[in-house]
Amino acid sequence: MTLCTHLDQIDYDAVDPDAEGCEECLADGGRWVRLRACQSCGHIGCCDSSPSRHARAHVMDTGHPVVRAYEPDEDWFYCYPDDLLFELSGAPPAPTHA
């Protein structure tokens, strides 16, 4: 089994559970499909299926490697450098937007 090599960069307390949507899309009037939460700083960005792919852009700009699904029906993590989708046993419940 392959493990994410960036688990030490996850900060569960970084994510603001009151975020209303993709930060950049809200600022520029864009739209998103699904949301992802940066696990290093809490940035909320839109997924790769969204027109602007702000979550990926944030990772590329900052080097923050791991995002977590920020949707009520999803509870998984994704590590961009390791190209790895995973779940973490014992992780606190995922915060989600309304």
Protein backbone atom coordinates (compact mmCIF):
# COMPACT_ATOMS: atom_id res chain seq x y z
CA MET A 1 0.00 0.00 0.00
CA THR A 2 1.31 3.44 -0.97
CA LEU A 3 1.11 6.12 1.69
CA CYS A 4 1.07 9.88 1.35
CA THR A 5 4.49 11.26 2.23
CA HIS A 6 3.05 14.63 3.30
CA LEU A 7 0.84 13.64 6.24
CA ASP A 8 2.94 15.83 8.53
CA GLN A 9 1.61 18.91 6.71
CA ILE A 10 -2.05 18.27 7.56
CA ASP A 11 -3.53 20.76 10.03
CA TYR A 12 -7.11 19.79 10.83
CA ASP A 13 -7.70 23.09 12.60
CA ALA A 14 -6.78 25.19 9.54
CA VAL A 15 -10.11 24.75 7.74
CA ASP A 16 -12.87 27.28 8.46
CA PRO A 17 -16.12 25.31 8.50
CA ASP A 18 -18.04 28.50 7.65
CA ALA A 19 -16.48 29.03 4.23
CA GLU A 20 -19.23 29.64 1.68
CA GLY A 21 -17.40 28.46 -1.42
CA CYS A 22 -14.30 28.78 -3.57
CA GLU A 23 -12.50 31.90 -2.39
CA GLU A 24 -11.41 33.03 -5.86
CA CYS A 25 -14.74 32.19 -7.54
CA LEU A 26 -16.62 34.17 -4.89
CA ALA A 27 -14.28 37.13 -5.44
CA ASP A 28 -14.48 37.14 -9.25
CA GLY A 29 -18.02 35.87 -9.84
CA GLY A 30 -16.92 32.45 -11.09
CA ARG A 31 -18.64 29.13 -10.53
CA TRP A 32 -17.51 25.80 -9.15
CA VAL A 33 -18.56 22.16 -9.26
CA ARG A 34 -17.09 20.75 -6.02
CA LEU A 35 -14.90 22.23 -3.31
CA ARG A 36 -11.56 21.20 -1.82
CA ALA A 37 -9.96 22.42 1.42
CA CYS A 38 -6.20 22.90 1.69
CA GLN A 39 -4.99 20.93 4.68
CA SER A 40 -2.06 23.25 5.35
CA CYS A 41 -3.78 26.65 5.49
CA GLY A 42 -7.52 26.10 5.05
CA HIS A 43 -7.88 27.73 1.62
CA ILE A 44 -11.13 26.65 -0.06
CA GLY A 45 -10.80 26.18 -3.81
CA CYS A 46 -12.77 24.59 -6.60
CA CYS A 47 -12.01 21.11 -7.94
CA ASP A 48 -10.42 20.08 -11.22
CA SER A 49 -13.89 19.62 -12.77
CA SER A 50 -14.57 23.31 -12.17
CA PRO A 51 -13.70 25.82 -14.91
CA SER A 52 -10.93 27.57 -12.95
CA ARG A 53 -9.44 24.69 -10.92
CA HIS A 54 -8.52 26.99 -8.04
CA ALA A 55 -7.63 24.20 -5.58
CA ARG A 56 -4.93 22.91 -7.94
CA ALA A 57 -3.71 26.47 -8.62
CA HIS A 58 -3.40 27.06 -4.87
CA VAL A 59 -1.32 23.91 -4.45
CA MET A 60 0.96 24.91 -7.34
CA ASP A 61 1.34 28.48 -6.01
CA THR A 62 1.97 27.59 -2.37
CA GLY A 63 3.41 24.08 -2.35
CA HIS A 64 0.74 22.98 0.13
CA PRO A 65 0.41 19.34 -0.91
CA VAL A 66 -2.82 17.90 0.55
CA VAL A 67 -6.46 18.84 0.06
CA ARG A 68 -9.56 17.30 1.58
CA ALA A 69 -12.98 17.06 0.03
CA TYR A 70 -15.17 19.92 1.29
CA GLU A 71 -18.54 18.44 0.38
CA PRO A 72 -21.25 16.95 2.62
CA ASP A 73 -21.13 13.60 0.80
CA GLU A 74 -17.34 13.21 0.50
CA ASP A 75 -14.65 12.41 3.08
CA TRP A 76 -11.31 11.77 1.41
CA PHE A 77 -7.91 13.42 1.01
CA TYR A 78 -5.78 13.94 -2.09
CA CYS A 79 -2.03 14.51 -2.18
CA TYR A 80 -1.00 16.32 -5.36
CA PRO A 81 2.76 15.54 -5.32
CA ASP A 82 2.13 11.85 -4.57
CA ASP A 83 -0.92 11.74 -6.92
CA LEU A 84 -2.73 9.79 -4.23
CA LEU A 85 -6.38 9.71 -3.17
CA PHE A 86 -6.77 8.32 0.35
CA GLU A 87 -8.82 8.19 3.53
CA LEU A 88 -7.39 8.60 7.01
CA SER A 89 -8.60 6.41 9.80
CA GLY A 90 -9.04 8.46 12.96
CA ALA A 91 -9.30 11.81 11.17
CA PRO A 92 -11.84 14.19 12.63
CA PRO A 93 -15.09 14.57 10.68
CA ALA A 94 -14.60 16.62 7.56
CA PRO A 95 -15.92 20.16 7.74
CA THR A 96 -18.23 20.99 4.85
CA HIS A 97 -19.93 24.00 3.37
CA ALA A 98 -23.68 24.44 3.64
